């Protein structure tokens, strides 16, 4: 069984310019490329992906770096599954249920 201290999450957060038409296209292309690389949208400018190891996180971070748009700011966060379980989320003033890690069979 995989340890929740060894399996990882990678989050990509970004604030990209969208004033000009070419900037909007670059931001849209960046989002779509994240989706094509197995990320899912957590919020409009926050995408996340479950990883089975730190090595996979490093490879994905390099892949994200390879398709960065010209402008804006992009941050890549990485943390363990155990840390992910401790995220506290709200919708309005209501606390949402704790995040559930994917089942092991979802990993492969």
Protein backbone atom coordinates (compact mmCIF):
# COMPACT_ATOMS: atom_id res chain seq x y z
CA UNK A 1 0.00 0.00 0.00
CA UNK A 2 1.20 3.49 -0.79
CA UNK A 3 2.07 5.74 2.15
CA UNK A 4 0.19 9.04 2.42
CA UNK A 5 3.51 10.58 3.43
CA UNK A 6 5.16 9.54 0.14
CA UNK A 7 2.39 10.09 -2.39
CA UNK A 8 2.16 13.68 -3.48
CA UNK A 9 -0.07 16.38 -4.90
CA UNK A 10 1.04 19.08 -7.29
CA UNK A 11 -0.88 22.34 -7.59
CA UNK A 12 -0.26 24.91 -10.32
CA UNK A 13 -1.52 28.39 -9.46
CA UNK A 14 -1.31 31.25 -11.90
CA UNK A 15 -2.23 34.84 -12.56
CA UNK A 16 -1.90 35.48 -16.29
CA UNK A 17 -2.58 38.68 -18.21
CA UNK A 18 -5.78 38.56 -20.27
CA UNK A 19 -6.14 42.13 -21.55
CA UNK A 20 -5.03 41.55 -25.14
CA UNK A 21 -6.51 38.88 -27.41
CA UNK A 22 -3.15 37.08 -27.70
CA UNK A 23 -2.82 37.07 -23.87
CA UNK A 24 -6.28 35.50 -23.49
CA UNK A 25 -5.33 32.85 -26.03
CA UNK A 26 -2.04 32.14 -24.23
CA UNK A 27 -3.87 31.80 -20.88
CA UNK A 28 -6.47 29.49 -22.44
CA UNK A 29 -3.78 27.40 -24.13
CA UNK A 30 -1.94 27.11 -20.79
CA UNK A 31 -5.10 25.91 -19.02
CA UNK A 32 -5.85 23.40 -21.78
CA UNK A 33 -2.30 22.07 -21.71
CA UNK A 34 -2.59 21.52 -17.96
CA UNK A 35 -5.79 19.54 -18.57
CA UNK A 36 -4.08 17.56 -21.34
CA UNK A 37 -1.35 16.67 -18.82
CA UNK A 38 -3.79 15.16 -16.34
CA UNK A 39 -4.47 18.17 -14.12
CA UNK A 40 -7.97 19.03 -12.99
CA UNK A 41 -9.31 22.46 -12.20
CA UNK A 42 -9.70 23.19 -8.48
CA UNK A 43 -10.48 26.86 -9.13
CA UNK A 44 -10.23 28.94 -12.28
CA UNK A 45 -6.50 29.62 -11.88
CA UNK A 46 -5.63 26.64 -9.67
CA UNK A 47 -5.09 23.20 -11.15
CA UNK A 48 -4.11 20.05 -9.28
CA UNK A 49 -2.92 16.53 -9.93
CA UNK A 50 -2.33 13.49 -7.77
CA UNK A 51 1.13 11.92 -8.13
CA UNK A 52 2.40 8.57 -6.96
CA UNK A 53 5.88 9.85 -6.09
CA UNK A 54 8.11 12.87 -5.64
CA UNK A 55 9.87 11.85 -8.86
CA UNK A 56 6.59 12.20 -10.77
CA UNK A 57 6.05 15.65 -9.19
CA UNK A 58 9.51 16.76 -10.35
CA UNK A 59 8.85 15.52 -13.89
CA UNK A 60 5.48 17.29 -14.03
CA UNK A 61 6.98 20.52 -12.67
CA UNK A 62 9.56 20.45 -15.48
CA UNK A 63 6.82 19.73 -18.01
CA UNK A 64 4.79 22.71 -16.73
CA UNK A 65 7.91 24.86 -17.00
CA UNK A 66 8.28 23.82 -20.63
CA UNK A 67 4.90 25.29 -21.64
CA UNK A 68 4.80 28.45 -19.51
CA UNK A 69 3.26 31.47 -21.22
CA UNK A 70 5.30 34.65 -21.67
CA UNK A 71 3.65 36.90 -19.08
CA UNK A 72 2.11 36.54 -15.67
CA UNK A 73 3.05 34.56 -12.61
CA UNK A 74 2.89 30.78 -12.20
CA UNK A 75 3.59 28.94 -8.95
CA UNK A 76 3.96 25.18 -8.56
CA UNK A 77 3.23 23.79 -5.11
CA UNK A 78 3.90 20.25 -4.00
CA UNK A 79 2.81 18.53 -0.82
CA UNK A 80 2.14 15.10 0.59
CA UNK A 81 -1.21 13.38 0.54
CA UNK A 82 -1.29 13.69 4.34
CA UNK A 83 -0.97 17.47 4.04
CA UNK A 84 -3.65 17.52 1.33
CA UNK A 85 -6.06 15.77 3.71
CA UNK A 86 -5.68 18.70 6.12
CA UNK A 87 -6.88 21.39 3.68
CA UNK A 88 -9.83 23.31 5.07
CA UNK A 89 -12.24 24.56 2.38
CA UNK A 90 -15.31 26.77 2.53
CA UNK A 91 -18.13 27.59 0.15
CA UNK A 92 -19.48 30.89 1.30
CA UNK A 93 -19.53 30.57 5.08
CA UNK A 94 -20.14 26.82 5.00
CA UNK A 95 -17.26 24.46 5.69
CA UNK A 96 -16.89 21.78 3.03
CA UNK A 97 -16.18 18.11 3.86
CA UNK A 98 -12.52 17.08 4.07
CA UNK A 99 -10.75 16.22 0.83
CA UNK A 100 -10.69 12.53 0.03
CA UNK A 101 -7.64 11.05 -1.62
CA UNK A 102 -8.26 8.99 -4.74
CA UNK A 103 -8.57 5.28 -4.17
CA UNK A 104 -5.43 3.33 -4.97
CA UNK A 105 -7.02 1.73 -8.03
CA UNK A 106 -7.56 5.22 -9.46
CA UNK A 107 -3.82 5.78 -9.58
CA UNK A 108 -3.04 3.30 -12.32
